[in-house]
């Protein structure tokens, strides 16, 4: 069986940095959430005006799909941001510990031993 090639978009997203993914996904999630709320208001207005059940119900389902999709994407963006913050914190802590360790090694080398004093 032949090996199927991955879609080019999948390769592109995989190579993106976490920061870039977060910057793309956050506004997209907020946009979908906003559109979902607008569609929800259309569904509520259709129900209020006495439209057929099927019409306002489908508008409502569509709006809930958009709202939940927007929240999901925004949550993913928050996750990317948390990953960035955690990585930054870990890198700073490691650099701080490395500096402290280097200082303590230098002090040990320069301080006289008990036999010399």
PDB file of N, CA and C in Angstrom:
ATOM      1  N   UNK A   1       0.845  -1.174   0.000  1.00  0.00           N
ATOM      2  CA  UNK A   1       0.000   0.000   0.000  1.00  0.00           C
ATOM      3  C   UNK A   1       0.893   1.240   0.000  1.00  0.00           C
ATOM      4  N   UNK A   2       0.552   2.192  -0.813  1.00  0.00           N
ATOM      5  CA  UNK A   2       1.366   3.406  -0.956  1.00  0.00           C
ATOM      6  C   UNK A   2       1.221   4.297   0.273  1.00  0.00           C
ATOM      7  N   UNK A   3       2.315   4.934   0.600  1.00  0.00           N
ATOM      8  CA  UNK A   3       2.322   5.842   1.740  1.00  0.00           C
ATOM      9  C   UNK A   3       1.724   7.179   1.295  1.00  0.00           C
ATOM     10  N   UNK A   4       0.720   7.647   2.021  1.00  0.00           N
ATOM     11  CA  UNK A   4       0.075   8.900   1.661  1.00  0.00           C
ATOM     12  C   UNK A   4       0.896  10.074   2.178  1.00  0.00           C
ATOM     13  N   UNK A   5       0.999  11.104   1.360  1.00  0.00           N
ATOM     14  CA  UNK A   5       1.739  12.305   1.759  1.00  0.00           C
ATOM     15  C   UNK A   5       0.879  13.134   2.709  1.00  0.00           C
ATOM     16  N   UNK A   6       1.549  13.768   3.666  1.00  0.00           N
ATOM     17  CA  UNK A   6       0.830  14.639   4.591  1.00  0.00           C
ATOM     18  C   UNK A   6       0.418  15.912   3.852  1.00  0.00           C
ATOM     19  N   UNK A   7      -0.706  16.491   4.249  1.00  0.00           N
ATOM     20  CA  UNK A   7      -1.105  17.753   3.627  1.00  0.00           C
ATOM     21  C   UNK A   7      -0.073  18.835   3.921  1.00  0.00           C
ATOM     22  N   UNK A   8       0.153  19.757   2.981  1.00  0.00           N
ATOM     23  CA  UNK A   8       1.183  20.779   3.198  1.00  0.00           C
ATOM     24  C   UNK A   8       0.885  21.672   4.395  1.00  0.00           C
ATOM     25  N   UNK A   9      -0.376  21.904   4.684  1.00  0.00           N
ATOM     26  CA  UNK A   9      -0.726  22.733   5.833  1.00  0.00           C
ATOM     27  C   UNK A   9      -0.319  22.099   7.149  1.00  0.00           C
ATOM     28  N   UNK A  10      -0.388  20.781   7.229  1.00  0.00           N
ATOM     29  CA  UNK A  10      -0.018  20.081   8.456  1.00  0.00           C
ATOM     30  C   UNK A  10       1.476  20.231   8.729  1.00  0.00           C
ATOM     31  N   UNK A  11       2.274  20.157   7.676  1.00  0.00           N
ATOM     32  CA  UNK A  11       3.716  20.342   7.844  1.00  0.00           C
ATOM     33  C   UNK A  11       4.023  21.771   8.277  1.00  0.00           C
ATOM     34  N   UNK A  12       3.305  22.717   7.701  1.00  0.00           N
ATOM     35  CA  UNK A  12       3.520  24.126   8.022  1.00  0.00           C
ATOM     36  C   UNK A  12       3.206  24.407   9.488  1.00  0.00           C
ATOM     37  N   UNK A  13       2.084  23.890   9.959  1.00  0.00           N
ATOM     38  CA  UNK A  13       1.687  24.118  11.346  1.00  0.00           C
ATOM     39  C   UNK A  13       2.659  23.441  12.301  1.00  0.00           C
ATOM     40  N   UNK A  14       3.148  22.280  11.937  1.00  0.00           N
ATOM     41  CA  UNK A  14       4.073  21.565  12.809  1.00  0.00           C
ATOM     42  C   UNK A  14       5.385  22.327  12.983  1.00  0.00           C
ATOM     43  N   UNK A  15       5.803  23.045  11.940  1.00  0.00           N
ATOM     44  CA  UNK A  15       7.061  23.797  12.012  1.00  0.00           C
ATOM     45  C   UNK A  15       6.909  25.148  12.692  1.00  0.00           C
ATOM     46  N   UNK A  16       5.680  25.616  12.882  1.00  0.00           N
ATOM     47  CA  UNK A  16       5.464  26.926  13.507  1.00  0.00           C
ATOM     48  C   UNK A  16       5.893  26.906  14.961  1.00  0.00           C
ATOM     49  N   UNK A  17       6.333  28.051  15.427  1.00  0.00           N
ATOM     50  CA  UNK A  17       6.681  28.156  16.843  1.00  0.00           C
ATOM     51  C   UNK A  17       5.400  28.233  17.670  1.00  0.00           C
ATOM     52  N   UNK A  18       5.533  27.960  18.941  1.00  0.00           N
ATOM     53  CA  UNK A  18       4.378  28.008  19.838  1.00  0.00           C
ATOM     54  C   UNK A  18       3.822  29.425  19.899  1.00  0.00           C
ATOM     55  N   UNK A  19       4.701  30.393  19.885  1.00  0.00           N
ATOM     56  CA  UNK A  19       4.271  31.797  19.924  1.00  0.00           C
ATOM     57  C   UNK A  19       3.432  32.144  18.694  1.00  0.00           C
ATOM     58  N   UNK A  20       3.869  31.728  17.517  1.00  0.00           N
ATOM     59  CA  UNK A  20       3.133  32.011  16.285  1.00  0.00           C
ATOM     60  C   UNK A  20       1.773  31.330  16.302  1.00  0.00           C
ATOM     61  N   UNK A  21       1.741  30.088  16.754  1.00  0.00           N
ATOM     62  CA  UNK A  21       0.457  29.379  16.831  1.00  0.00           C
ATOM     63  C   UNK A  21      -0.505  30.119  17.749  1.00  0.00           C
ATOM     64  N   UNK A  22      -0.001  30.563  18.889  1.00  0.00           N
ATOM     65  CA  UNK A  22      -0.848  31.290  19.828  1.00  0.00           C
ATOM     66  C   UNK A  22      -1.356  32.598  19.255  1.00  0.00           C
ATOM     67  N   UNK A  23      -0.488  33.302  18.523  1.00  0.00           N
ATOM     68  CA  UNK A  23      -0.890  34.579  17.932  1.00  0.00           C
ATOM     69  C   UNK A  23      -1.909  34.404  16.810  1.00  0.00           C
ATOM     70  N   UNK A  24      -1.921  33.263  16.182  1.00  0.00           N
ATOM     71  CA  UNK A  24      -2.904  33.002  15.124  1.00  0.00           C
ATOM     72  C   UNK A  24      -4.218  32.497  15.717  1.00  0.00           C
ATOM     73  N   UNK A  25      -4.121  31.603  16.682  1.00  0.00           N
ATOM     74  CA  UNK A  25      -5.307  30.919  17.197  1.00  0.00           C
ATOM     75  C   UNK A  25      -6.152  31.816  18.108  1.00  0.00           C
ATOM     76  N   UNK A  26      -5.534  32.701  18.884  1.00  0.00           N
ATOM     77  CA  UNK A  26      -6.289  33.533  19.827  1.00  0.00           C
ATOM     78  C   UNK A  26      -7.295  34.447  19.124  1.00  0.00           C
ATOM     79  N   UNK A  27      -6.883  35.254  18.149  1.00  0.00           N
ATOM     80  CA  UNK A  27      -7.878  36.104  17.483  1.00  0.00           C
ATOM     81  C   UNK A  27      -8.926  35.301  16.715  1.00  0.00           C
ATOM     82  N   UNK A  28      -8.505  34.182  16.143  1.00  0.00           N
ATOM     83  CA  UNK A  28      -9.453  33.341  15.416  1.00  0.00           C
ATOM     84  C   UNK A  28     -10.524  32.796  16.367  1.00  0.00           C
ATOM     85  N   UNK A  29     -10.107  32.385  17.541  1.00  0.00           N
ATOM     86  CA  UNK A  29     -11.060  31.892  18.534  1.00  0.00           C
ATOM     87  C   UNK A  29     -12.025  32.973  18.989  1.00  0.00           C
ATOM     88  N   UNK A  30     -11.503  34.175  19.237  1.00  0.00           N
ATOM     89  CA  UNK A  30     -12.378  35.279  19.635  1.00  0.00           C
ATOM     90  C   UNK A  30     -13.348  35.650  18.519  1.00  0.00           C
ATOM     91  N   UNK A  31     -12.868  35.600  17.279  1.00  0.00           N
ATOM     92  CA  UNK A  31     -13.732  35.905  16.141  1.00  0.00           C
ATOM     93  C   UNK A  31     -14.864  34.882  16.026  1.00  0.00           C
ATOM     94  N   UNK A  32     -14.528  33.599  16.116  1.00  0.00           N
ATOM     95  CA  UNK A  32     -15.565  32.561  16.032  1.00  0.00           C
ATOM     96  C   UNK A  32     -16.569  32.683  17.171  1.00  0.00           C
ATOM     97  N   UNK A  33     -16.078  32.989  18.356  1.00  0.00           N
ATOM     98  CA  UNK A  33     -16.968  33.162  19.505  1.00  0.00           C
ATOM     99  C   UNK A  33     -17.936  34.319  19.254  1.00  0.00           C
ATOM    100  N   UNK A  34     -17.425  35.426  18.735  1.00  0.00           N
ATOM    101  CA  UNK A  34     -18.270  36.592  18.454  1.00  0.00           C
ATOM    102  C   UNK A  34     -19.302  36.287  17.374  1.00  0.00           C
ATOM    103  N   UNK A  35     -18.880  35.612  16.326  1.00  0.00           N
ATOM    104  CA  UNK A  35     -19.817  35.243  15.257  1.00  0.00           C
ATOM    105  C   UNK A  35     -20.890  34.305  15.807  1.00  0.00           C
ATOM    106  N   UNK A  36     -20.488  33.384  16.664  1.00  0.00           N
ATOM    107  CA  UNK A  36     -21.450  32.473  17.274  1.00  0.00           C
ATOM    108  C   UNK A  36     -22.495  33.205  18.099  1.00  0.00           C
ATOM    109  N   UNK A  37     -22.065  34.238  18.825  1.00  0.00           N
ATOM    110  CA  UNK A  37     -23.029  35.026  19.599  1.00  0.00           C
ATOM    111  C   UNK A  37     -23.987  35.784  18.683  1.00  0.00           C
ATOM    112  N   UNK A  38     -23.477  36.288  17.571  1.00  0.00           N
ATOM    113  CA  UNK A  38     -24.346  36.981  16.611  1.00  0.00           C
ATOM    114  C   UNK A  38     -25.377  36.022  16.013  1.00  0.00           C
ATOM    115  N   UNK A  39     -24.932  34.844  15.652  1.00  0.00           N
ATOM    116  CA  UNK A  39     -25.853  33.850  15.086  1.00  0.00           C
ATOM    117  C   UNK A  39     -26.870  33.420  16.145  1.00  0.00           C
ATOM    118  N   UNK A  40     -26.432  33.347  17.386  1.00  0.00           N
ATOM    119  CA  UNK A  40     -27.348  33.002  18.476  1.00  0.00           C
ATOM    120  C   UNK A  40     -28.439  34.063  18.614  1.00  0.00           C
ATOM    121  N   UNK A  41     -28.060  35.333  18.468  1.00  0.00           N
ATOM    122  CA  UNK A  41     -29.071  36.393  18.550  1.00  0.00           C
ATOM    123  C   UNK A  41     -30.053  36.298  17.379  1.00  0.00           C
ATOM    124  N   UNK A  42     -29.569  35.889  16.212  1.00  0.00           N
ATOM    125  CA  UNK A  42     -30.461  35.691  15.060  1.00  0.00           C
ATOM    126  C   UNK A  42     -31.445  34.564  15.359  1.00  0.00           C
ATOM    127  N   UNK A  43     -30.956  33.486  15.965  1.00  0.00           N
ATOM    128  CA  UNK A  43     -31.830  32.357  16.309  1.00  0.00           C
ATOM    129  C   UNK A  43     -32.874  32.781  17.341  1.00  0.00           C
ATOM    130  N   UNK A  44     -32.448  33.566  18.325  1.00  0.00           N
ATOM    131  CA  UNK A  44     -33.394  34.025  19.345  1.00  0.00           C
ATOM    132  C   UNK A  44     -34.441  34.951  18.735  1.00  0.00           C
ATOM    133  N   UNK A  45     -34.011  35.801  17.822  1.00  0.00           N
ATOM    134  CA  UNK A  45     -34.953  36.699  17.158  1.00  0.00           C
ATOM    135  C   UNK A  45     -35.939  35.910  16.297  1.00  0.00           C
ATOM    136  N   UNK A  46     -35.445  34.882  15.603  1.00  0.00           N
ATOM    137  CA  UNK A  46     -36.328  34.052  14.773  1.00  0.00           C
ATOM    138  C   UNK A  46     -37.364  33.346  15.643  1.00  0.00           C
ATOM    139  N   UNK A  47     -36.955  32.879  16.806  1.00  0.00           N
ATOM    140  CA  UNK A  47     -37.904  32.210  17.704  1.00  0.00           C
ATOM    141  C   UNK A  47     -38.926  33.211  18.230  1.00  0.00           C
ATOM    142  N   UNK A  48     -38.437  34.391  18.574  1.00  0.00           N
ATOM    143  CA  UNK A  48     -39.326  35.426  19.111  1.00  0.00           C
ATOM    144  C   UNK A  48     -40.363  35.869  18.077  1.00  0.00           C
ATOM    145  N   UNK A  49     -39.969  35.909  16.804  1.00  0.00           N
ATOM    146  CA  UNK A  49     -40.881  36.334  15.741  1.00  0.00           C
ATOM    147  C   UNK A  49     -41.807  35.222  15.272  1.00  0.00           C
ATOM    148  N   UNK A  50     -41.689  34.036  15.846  1.00  0.00           N
ATOM    149  CA  UNK A  50     -42.598  32.947  15.516  1.00  0.00           C
ATOM    150  C   UNK A  50     -42.214  32.165  14.277  1.00  0.00           C
ATOM    151  N   UNK A  51     -40.933  32.081  13.983  1.00  0.00           N
ATOM    152  CA  UNK A  51     -40.479  31.300  12.828  1.00  0.00           C
ATOM    153  C   UNK A  51     -40.684  29.813  13.112  1.00  0.00           C
ATOM    154  N   UNK A  52     -40.557  29.019  12.068  1.00  0.00           N
ATOM    155  CA  UNK A  52     -40.719  27.578  12.231  1.00  0.00           C
ATOM    156  C   UNK A  52     -39.667  27.040  13.196  1.00  0.00           C
ATOM    157  N   UNK A  53     -40.055  25.974  13.909  1.00  0.00           N
ATOM    158  CA  UNK A  53     -39.154  25.373  14.897  1.00  0.00           C
ATOM    159  C   UNK A  53     -37.827  24.965  14.268  1.00  0.00           C
ATOM    160  N   UNK A  54     -37.901  24.310  13.126  1.00  0.00           N
ATOM    161  CA  UNK A  54     -36.693  23.793  12.484  1.00  0.00           C
ATOM    162  C   UNK A  54     -35.715  24.920  12.139  1.00  0.00           C
ATOM    163  N   UNK A  55     -36.242  26.058  11.723  1.00  0.00           N
ATOM    164  CA  UNK A  55     -35.379  27.169  11.324  1.00  0.00           C
ATOM    165  C   UNK A  55     -34.604  27.726  12.514  1.00  0.00           C
ATOM    166  N   UNK A  56     -35.311  28.123  13.575  1.00  0.00           N
ATOM    167  CA  UNK A  56     -34.588  28.727  14.694  1.00  0.00           C
ATOM    168  C   UNK A  56     -33.772  27.697  15.459  1.00  0.00           C
ATOM    169  N   UNK A  57     -34.207  26.440  15.446  1.00  0.00           N
ATOM    170  CA  UNK A  57     -33.436  25.397  16.123  1.00  0.00           C
ATOM    171  C   UNK A  57     -32.095  25.172  15.422  1.00  0.00           C
ATOM    172  N   UNK A  58     -32.109  25.097  14.092  1.00  0.00           N
ATOM    173  CA  UNK A  58     -30.860  24.904  13.350  1.00  0.00           C
ATOM    174  C   UNK A  58     -29.928  26.108  13.490  1.00  0.00           C
ATOM    175  N   UNK A  59     -30.503  27.318  13.498  1.00  0.00           N
ATOM    176  CA  UNK A  59     -29.671  28.503  13.750  1.00  0.00           C
ATOM    177  C   UNK A  59     -29.032  28.414  15.135  1.00  0.00           C
ATOM    178  N   UNK A  60     -29.804  27.966  16.104  1.00  0.00           N
ATOM    179  CA  UNK A  60     -29.279  27.833  17.467  1.00  0.00           C
ATOM    180  C   UNK A  60     -28.180  26.790  17.571  1.00  0.00           C
ATOM    181  N   UNK A  61     -28.370  25.651  16.914  1.00  0.00           N
ATOM    182  CA  UNK A  61     -27.337  24.606  16.930  1.00  0.00           C
ATOM    183  C   UNK A  61     -26.070  25.113  16.247  1.00  0.00           C
ATOM    184  N   UNK A  62     -26.250  25.790  15.121  1.00  0.00           N
ATOM    185  CA  UNK A  62     -25.097  26.346  14.401  1.00  0.00           C
ATOM    186  C   UNK A  62     -24.353  27.361  15.278  1.00  0.00           C
ATOM    187  N   UNK A  63     -25.115  28.181  15.994  1.00  0.00           N
ATOM    188  CA  UNK A  63     -24.473  29.174  16.862  1.00  0.00           C
ATOM    189  C   UNK A  63     -23.714  28.500  17.999  1.00  0.00           C
ATOM    190  N   UNK A  64     -24.259  27.446  18.555  1.00  0.00           N
ATOM    191  CA  UNK A  64     -23.558  26.746  19.640  1.00  0.00           C
ATOM    192  C   UNK A  64     -22.281  26.080  19.139  1.00  0.00           C
ATOM    193  N   UNK A  65     -22.317  25.575  17.921  1.00  0.00           N
ATOM    194  CA  UNK A  65     -21.100  24.996  17.333  1.00  0.00           C
ATOM    195  C   UNK A  65     -20.029  26.075  17.192  1.00  0.00           C
ATOM    196  N   UNK A  66     -20.422  27.253  16.702  1.00  0.00           N
ATOM    197  CA  UNK A  66     -19.458  28.345  16.542  1.00  0.00           C
ATOM    198  C   UNK A  66     -18.936  28.837  17.892  1.00  0.00           C
ATOM    199  N   UNK A  67     -19.823  28.980  18.862  1.00  0.00           N
ATOM    200  CA  UNK A  67     -19.409  29.453  20.190  1.00  0.00           C
ATOM    201  C   UNK A  67     -18.431  28.469  20.818  1.00  0.00           C
ATOM    202  N   UNK A  68     -18.778  27.193  20.796  1.00  0.00           N
ATOM    203  CA  UNK A  68     -17.892  26.190  21.397  1.00  0.00           C
ATOM    204  C   UNK A  68     -16.573  26.072  20.640  1.00  0.00           C
ATOM    205  N   UNK A  69     -16.618  26.178  19.319  1.00  0.00           N
ATOM    206  CA  UNK A  69     -15.381  26.153  18.539  1.00  0.00           C
ATOM    207  C   UNK A  69     -14.487  27.335  18.869  1.00  0.00           C
ATOM    208  N   UNK A  70     -15.090  28.509  19.027  1.00  0.00           N
ATOM    209  CA  UNK A  70     -14.323  29.692  19.394  1.00  0.00           C
ATOM    210  C   UNK A  70     -13.701  29.563  20.769  1.00  0.00           C
ATOM    211  N   UNK A  71     -14.473  29.044  21.715  1.00  0.00           N
ATOM    212  CA  UNK A  71     -13.928  28.842  23.066  1.00  0.00           C
ATOM    213  C   UNK A  71     -12.812  27.806  23.060  1.00  0.00           C
ATOM    214  N   UNK A  72     -12.978  26.775  22.254  1.00  0.00           N
ATOM    215  CA  UNK A  72     -11.950  25.743  22.153  1.00  0.00           C
ATOM    216  C   UNK A  72     -10.652  26.324  21.598  1.00  0.00           C
ATOM    217  N   UNK A  73     -10.749  27.108  20.541  1.00  0.00           N
ATOM    218  CA  UNK A  73      -9.549  27.707  19.951  1.00  0.00           C
ATOM    219  C   UNK A  73      -8.904  28.708  20.905  1.00  0.00           C
ATOM    220  N   UNK A  74      -9.725  29.500  21.591  1.00  0.00           N
ATOM    221  CA  UNK A  74      -9.155  30.454  22.539  1.00  0.00           C
ATOM    222  C   UNK A  74      -8.494  29.725  23.706  1.00  0.00           C
ATOM    223  N   UNK A  75      -9.096  28.625  24.147  1.00  0.00           N
ATOM    224  CA  UNK A  75      -8.473  27.815  25.198  1.00  0.00           C
ATOM    225  C   UNK A  75      -7.147  27.235  24.747  1.00  0.00           C
ATOM    226  N   UNK A  76      -7.074  26.845  23.489  1.00  0.00           N
ATOM    227  CA  UNK A  76      -5.809  26.342  22.941  1.00  0.00           C
ATOM    228  C   UNK A  76      -4.760  27.450  22.936  1.00  0.00           C
ATOM    229  N   UNK A  77      -5.175  28.673  22.609  1.00  0.00           N
ATOM    230  CA  UNK A  77      -4.243  29.803  22.625  1.00  0.00           C
ATOM    231  C   UNK A  77      -3.744  30.074  24.043  1.00  0.00           C
ATOM    232  N   UNK A  78      -4.621  29.949  25.021  1.00  0.00           N
ATOM    233  CA  UNK A  78      -4.209  30.121  26.419  1.00  0.00           C
ATOM    234  C   UNK A  78      -3.207  29.036  26.797  1.00  0.00           C
ATOM    235  N   UNK A  79      -3.434  27.848  26.302  1.00  0.00           N
ATOM    236  CA  UNK A  79      -2.502  26.741  26.567  1.00  0.00           C
ATOM    237  C   UNK A  79      -1.125  27.024  25.966  1.00  0.00           C
ATOM    238  N   UNK A  80      -1.106  27.525  24.731  1.00  0.00           N
ATOM    239  CA  UNK A  80       0.170  27.891  24.112  1.00  0.00           C
ATOM    240  C   UNK A  80       0.876  28.960  24.934  1.00  0.00           C
ATOM    241  N   UNK A  81       0.116  29.935  25.413  1.00  0.00           N
ATOM    242  CA  UNK A  81       0.713  31.012  26.207  1.00  0.00           C
ATOM    243  C   UNK A  81       1.277  30.471  27.520  1.00  0.00           C
ATOM    244  N   UNK A  82       0.565  29.551  28.140  1.00  0.00           N
ATOM    245  CA  UNK A  82       1.062  28.950  29.381  1.00  0.00           C
ATOM    246  C   UNK A  82       2.349  28.168  29.126  1.00  0.00           C
ATOM    247  N   UNK A  83       2.420  27.473  27.999  1.00  0.00           N
ATOM    248  CA  UNK A  83       3.652  26.756  27.651  1.00  0.00           C
ATOM    249  C   UNK A  83       4.815  27.723  27.492  1.00  0.00           C
ATOM    250  N   UNK A  84       4.567  28.852  26.826  1.00  0.00           N
ATOM    251  CA  UNK A  84       5.623  29.851  26.648  1.00  0.00           C
ATOM    252  C   UNK A  84       6.094  30.404  27.987  1.00  0.00           C
ATOM    253  N   UNK A  85       5.137  30.744  28.853  1.00  0.00           N
ATOM    254  CA  UNK A  85       5.500  31.297  30.156  1.00  0.00           C
ATOM    255  C   UNK A  85       6.269  30.284  30.990  1.00  0.00           C
ATOM    256  N   UNK A  86       5.852  29.033  30.948  1.00  0.00           N
ATOM    257  CA  UNK A  86       6.535  27.998  31.726  1.00  0.00           C
ATOM    258  C   UNK A  86       7.956  27.780  31.211  1.00  0.00           C
ATOM    259  N   UNK A  87       8.099  27.732  29.886  1.00  0.00           N
ATOM    260  CA  UNK A  87       9.444  27.567  29.316  1.00  0.00           C
ATOM    261  C   UNK A  87      10.348  28.728  29.705  1.00  0.00           C
ATOM    262  N   UNK A  88       9.810  29.945  29.652  1.00  0.00           N
ATOM    263  CA  UNK A  88      10.599  31.123  30.026  1.00  0.00           C
ATOM    264  C   UNK A  88      11.019  31.037  31.492  1.00  0.00           C
ATOM    265  N   UNK A  89      10.088  30.625  32.350  1.00  0.00           N
ATOM    266  CA  UNK A  89      10.387  30.490  33.774  1.00  0.00           C
ATOM    267  C   UNK A  89      11.482  29.452  34.009  1.00  0.00           C
ATOM    268  N   UNK A  90      11.375  28.305  33.358  1.00  0.00           N
ATOM    269  CA  UNK A  90      12.365  27.241  33.534  1.00  0.00           C
ATOM    270  C   UNK A  90      13.733  27.701  33.048  1.00  0.00           C
ATOM    271  N   UNK A  91      13.779  28.360  31.895  1.00  0.00           N
ATOM    272  CA  UNK A  91      15.069  28.842  31.381  1.00  0.00           C
ATOM    273  C   UNK A  91      15.710  29.839  32.333  1.00  0.00           C
ATOM    274  N   UNK A  92      14.910  30.757  32.875  1.00  0.00           N
ATOM    275  CA  UNK A  92      15.460  31.734  33.823  1.00  0.00           C
ATOM    276  C   UNK A  92      15.981  31.055  35.079  1.00  0.00           C
ATOM    277  N   UNK A  93      15.223  30.096  35.577  1.00  0.00           N
ATOM    278  CA  UNK A  93      15.664  29.385  36.784  1.00  0.00           C
ATOM    279  C   UNK A  93      16.952  28.614  36.529  1.00  0.00           C
ATOM    280  N   UNK A  94      17.038  27.965  35.381  1.00  0.00           N
ATOM    281  CA  UNK A  94      18.256  27.218  35.065  1.00  0.00           C
ATOM    282  C   UNK A  94      19.458  28.146  34.927  1.00  0.00           C
ATOM    283  N   UNK A  95      19.267  29.299  34.282  1.00  0.00           N
ATOM    284  CA  UNK A  95      20.365  30.258  34.170  1.00  0.00           C
ATOM    285  C   UNK A  95      20.772  30.781  35.540  1.00  0.00           C
ATOM    286  N   UNK A  96      19.783  31.043  36.378  1.00  0.00           N
ATOM    287  CA  UNK A  96      20.056  31.547  37.728  1.00  0.00           C
ATOM    288  C   UNK A  96      20.844  30.520  38.532  1.00  0.00           C
ATOM    289  N   UNK A  97      20.435  29.274  38.483  1.00  0.00           N
ATOM    290  CA  UNK A  97      21.144  28.212  39.208  1.00  0.00           C
ATOM    291  C   UNK A  97      22.547  28.004  38.654  1.00  0.00           C
ATOM    292  N   UNK A  98      22.686  28.117  37.338  1.00  0.00           N
ATOM    293  CA  UNK A  98      24.004  27.961  36.727  1.00  0.00           C
ATOM    294  C   UNK A  98      24.944  29.073  37.191  1.00  0.00           C
ATOM    295  N   UNK A  99      24.434  30.310  37.240  1.00  0.00           N
ATOM    296  CA  UNK A  99      25.257  31.423  37.723  1.00  0.00           C
ATOM    297  C   UNK A  99      25.654  31.219  39.182  1.00  0.00           C
ATOM    298  N   UNK A 100      24.696  30.804  40.006  1.00  0.00           N
ATOM    299  CA  UNK A 100      24.997  30.566  41.425  1.00  0.00           C
ATOM    300  C   UNK A 100      26.020  29.449  41.581  1.00  0.00           C
ATOM    301  N   UNK A 101      25.890  28.402  40.803  1.00  0.00           N
ATOM    302  CA  UNK A 101      26.820  27.276  40.882  1.00  0.00           C
ATOM    303  C   UNK A 101      28.214  27.709  40.449  1.00  0.00           C
ATOM    304  N   UNK A 102      28.272  28.517  39.382  1.00  0.00           N
ATOM    305  CA  UNK A 102      29.571  29.015  38.910  1.00  0.00           C
ATOM    306  C   UNK A 102      30.220  29.905  39.966  1.00  0.00           C
ATOM    307  N   UNK A 103      29.436  30.769  40.603  1.00  0.00           N
ATOM    308  CA  UNK A 103      29.976  31.635  41.656  1.00  0.00           C
ATOM    309  C   UNK A 103      30.494  30.814  42.824  1.00  0.00           C
ATOM    310  N   UNK A 104      29.744  29.804  43.220  1.00  0.00           N
ATOM    311  CA  UNK A 104      30.172  28.988  44.363  1.00  0.00           C
ATOM    312  C   UNK A 104      31.439  28.203  44.027  1.00  0.00           C
ATOM    313  N   UNK A 105      31.583  27.770  42.789  1.00  0.00           N
ATOM    314  CA  UNK A 105      32.818  27.068  42.379  1.00  0.00           C
ATOM    315  C   UNK A 105      34.006  28.016  42.395  1.00  0.00           C
ATOM    316  N   UNK A 106      33.792  29.244  41.951  1.00  0.00           N
ATOM    317  CA  UNK A 106      34.885  30.217  41.953  1.00  0.00           C
ATOM    318  C   UNK A 106      35.300  30.567  43.377  1.00  0.00           C
ATOM    319  N   UNK A 107      34.344  30.666  44.276  1.00  0.00           N
ATOM    320  CA  UNK A 107      34.668  30.963  45.674  1.00  0.00           C
ATOM    321  C   UNK A 107      35.475  29.836  46.289  1.00  0.00           C
ATOM    322  N   UNK A 108      35.130  28.606  45.955  1.00  0.00           N
ATOM    323  CA  UNK A 108      35.869  27.455  46.490  1.00  0.00           C
ATOM    324  C   UNK A 108      37.309  27.451  45.994  1.00  0.00           C
ATOM    325  N   UNK A 109      37.506  27.841  44.749  1.00  0.00           N
ATOM    326  CA  UNK A 109      38.858  27.854  44.184  1.00  0.00           C
ATOM    327  C   UNK A 109      39.699  28.969  44.796  1.00  0.00           C
ATOM    328  N   UNK A 110      39.106  30.129  45.050  1.00  0.00           N
ATOM    329  CA  UNK A 110      39.877  31.272  45.547  1.00  0.00           C
ATOM    330  C   UNK A 110      40.017  31.286  47.060  1.00  0.00           C
ATOM    331  N   UNK A 111      39.110  30.671  47.803  1.00  0.00           N
ATOM    332  CA  UNK A 111      39.211  30.711  49.265  1.00  0.00           C
ATOM    333  C   UNK A 111      40.329  29.785  49.735  1.00  0.00           C
ATOM    334  N   UNK A 112      41.101  30.233  50.744  1.00  0.00           N
ATOM    335  CA  UNK A 112      42.206  29.397  51.239  1.00  0.00           C
ATOM    336  C   UNK A 112      41.675  28.187  51.993  1.00  0.00           C
ATOM    337  N   UNK A 113      42.424  27.119  51.928  1.00  0.00           N
ATOM    338  CA  UNK A 113      42.050  25.911  52.660  1.00  0.00           C
ATOM    339  C   UNK A 113      42.526  26.033  54.093  1.00  0.00           C
ATOM    340  N   UNK A 114      42.135  25.114  54.940  1.00  0.00           N
ATOM    341  CA  UNK A 114      42.486  25.173  56.361  1.00  0.00           C
ATOM    342  C   UNK A 114      43.987  25.046  56.580  1.00  0.00           C
ATOM    343  N   UNK A 115      44.666  24.324  55.778  1.00  0.00           N
ATOM    344  CA  UNK A 115      46.102  24.120  55.939  1.00  0.00           C
ATOM    345  C   UNK A 115      46.909  25.357  55.578  1.00  0.00           C
ATOM    346  N   UNK A 116      46.387  26.189  54.683  1.00  0.00           N
ATOM    347  CA  UNK A 116      47.131  27.361  54.235  1.00  0.00           C
ATOM    348  C   UNK A 116      46.979  28.542  55.183  1.00  0.00           C
ATOM    349  N   UNK A 117      45.889  28.666  55.895  1.00  0.00           N
ATOM    350  CA  UNK A 117      45.636  29.830  56.735  1.00  0.00           C
ATOM    351  C   UNK A 117      46.372  29.808  58.032  1.00  0.00           C
TER     352      UNK A 117
END
